[in-house]
Amino acid sequence: MTRGIKMLLIAPLAIVGIALFIFIGGEIVKLLWNWLVPSLFGLRVLTFWEAVGLLALSRILFGGFGRGFSNARGNASHRSAERRERFRQKIRERFGADFTETSTPGSGSSSDPAPFR
């Protein structure tokens, strides 16, 4: 099979899969909302399209657009060693301490910085 024929076969399946995902996700959000929120908080019941909008809004606010879990939230493995060292240097300049080195509390070391300035 050539690549063009494969794309002609896969494209309709992808469209159906996306539509099915939106339908199932919207129904789940609608059912959960209508089951819990009106009785707990006294809010009104959602329609299917409002549930799909809520699902899309939550995806935009909390999920991003396909970045997954490997974005800059606490994951420094993608940074070069030079960028990490520049970051450490800025921390040293700003706070007057090197928080990247581990020290045990109460070790009695005179190089430990004061907790507050």
Protein backbone atom coordinates (compact mmCIF):
# COMPACT_ATOMS: atom_id res chain seq x y z
CA MET A 1 0.00 0.00 0.00
CA THR A 2 1.19 3.46 -0.74
CA ARG A 3 1.24 6.23 1.80
CA GLY A 4 -1.66 8.09 0.15
CA ILE A 5 -3.95 5.06 0.31
CA LYS A 6 -3.07 4.52 3.97
CA MET A 7 -3.96 8.13 4.73
CA LEU A 8 -7.31 7.73 2.95
CA LEU A 9 -8.08 4.74 5.15
CA ILE A 10 -6.82 6.24 8.41
CA ALA A 11 -8.31 9.75 8.09
CA PRO A 12 -11.98 8.69 8.41
CA LEU A 13 -11.12 6.45 11.36
CA ALA A 14 -9.32 9.33 13.05
CA ILE A 15 -12.29 11.64 12.55
CA VAL A 16 -14.67 9.03 13.97
CA GLY A 17 -12.30 8.43 16.89
CA ILE A 18 -12.10 12.13 17.73
CA ALA A 19 -15.89 12.51 17.52
CA LEU A 20 -16.36 9.44 19.72
CA PHE A 21 -13.87 10.79 22.26
CA ILE A 22 -15.68 14.15 22.40
CA PHE A 23 -19.06 12.44 22.73
CA ILE A 24 -17.95 10.06 25.50
CA GLY A 25 -16.02 12.79 27.35
CA GLY A 26 -18.95 15.20 27.13
CA GLU A 27 -21.39 12.60 28.37
CA ILE A 28 -19.16 11.64 31.30
CA VAL A 29 -18.73 15.29 32.34
CA LYS A 30 -22.47 15.91 31.95
CA LEU A 31 -23.45 12.84 33.97
CA LEU A 32 -20.98 13.56 36.77
CA TRP A 33 -21.93 17.24 36.93
CA ASN A 34 -25.67 16.55 36.91
CA TRP A 35 -25.26 13.82 39.53
CA LEU A 36 -23.12 15.78 42.02
CA VAL A 37 -23.15 19.54 41.56
CA PRO A 38 -26.89 20.37 41.71
CA SER A 39 -27.40 18.41 44.93
CA LEU A 40 -24.16 19.56 46.60
CA PHE A 41 -23.97 23.21 45.56
CA GLY A 42 -27.42 24.03 44.23
CA LEU A 43 -26.19 24.89 40.74
CA ARG A 44 -28.19 24.17 37.60
CA VAL A 45 -28.03 21.09 35.38
CA LEU A 46 -25.71 21.12 32.34
CA THR A 47 -26.61 20.28 28.75
CA PHE A 48 -24.36 18.13 26.58
CA TRP A 49 -22.83 21.12 24.76
CA GLU A 50 -22.16 22.95 28.02
CA ALA A 51 -20.40 19.83 29.28
CA VAL A 52 -18.28 19.68 26.10
CA GLY A 53 -17.41 23.36 26.60
CA LEU A 54 -16.48 22.72 30.23
CA LEU A 55 -14.32 19.78 29.14
CA ALA A 56 -12.56 21.95 26.53
CA LEU A 57 -12.08 24.79 29.02
CA SER A 58 -10.57 22.48 31.62
CA ARG A 59 -8.26 21.02 28.97
CA ILE A 60 -7.08 24.51 28.03
CA LEU A 61 -6.62 25.67 31.62
CA PHE A 62 -5.13 22.54 33.16
CA GLY A 63 -3.92 20.32 30.33
CA GLY A 64 -2.39 22.62 27.76
CA PHE A 65 -2.19 21.69 24.11
CA GLY A 66 -0.34 18.40 23.83
CA ARG A 67 2.65 19.33 25.96
CA GLY A 68 1.99 16.37 28.19
CA PHE A 69 3.78 16.17 31.53
CA SER A 70 7.25 17.10 30.30
CA ASN A 71 6.92 20.87 30.34
CA ALA A 72 8.85 23.20 32.62
CA ARG A 73 6.94 22.36 35.81
CA GLY A 74 9.77 21.02 37.93
CA ASN A 75 11.47 19.04 35.19
CA ALA A 76 14.99 20.39 34.71
CA SER A 77 16.34 17.40 32.80
CA HIS A 78 15.83 19.16 29.47
CA ARG A 79 18.05 22.10 30.47
CA SER A 80 21.68 22.19 29.53
CA ALA A 81 24.34 22.15 32.21
CA GLU A 82 25.21 25.75 31.35
CA ARG A 83 21.61 26.93 31.90
CA ARG A 84 21.40 25.05 35.19
CA GLU A 85 24.61 26.67 36.39
CA ARG A 86 23.37 30.14 35.39
CA PHE A 87 20.17 29.46 37.34
CA ARG A 88 22.17 28.39 40.40
CA GLN A 89 24.32 31.51 40.12
CA LYS A 90 21.25 33.76 40.03
CA ILE A 91 19.87 31.99 43.11
CA ARG A 92 23.19 32.54 44.90
CA GLU A 93 23.19 36.24 43.96
CA ARG A 94 19.58 36.80 44.94
CA PHE A 95 19.42 34.85 48.19
CA GLY A 96 23.07 34.77 49.23
CA ALA A 97 23.03 31.00 49.64
CA ASP A 98 23.49 27.91 47.56
CA PHE A 99 20.33 25.87 48.02
CA THR A 100 21.45 23.27 45.49
CA GLU A 101 24.02 21.76 47.88
CA THR A 102 22.62 19.55 50.60
CA SER A 103 23.42 20.28 54.22
CA THR A 104 21.98 18.67 57.29
CA PRO A 105 20.23 20.90 59.81
CA GLY A 106 22.17 21.42 63.00
CA SER A 107 25.47 20.31 61.49
CA GLY A 108 27.18 23.30 63.08
CA SER A 109 28.80 24.40 59.87
CA SER A 110 29.76 28.08 59.89
CA SER A 111 29.02 28.37 56.17
CA ASP A 112 25.30 27.87 56.74
CA PRO A 113 23.48 31.10 55.87
CA ALA A 114 21.16 32.86 58.26
CA PRO A 115 17.54 31.85 57.62
CA PHE A 116 16.34 35.47 57.22
CA ARG A 117 18.01 38.72 56.25
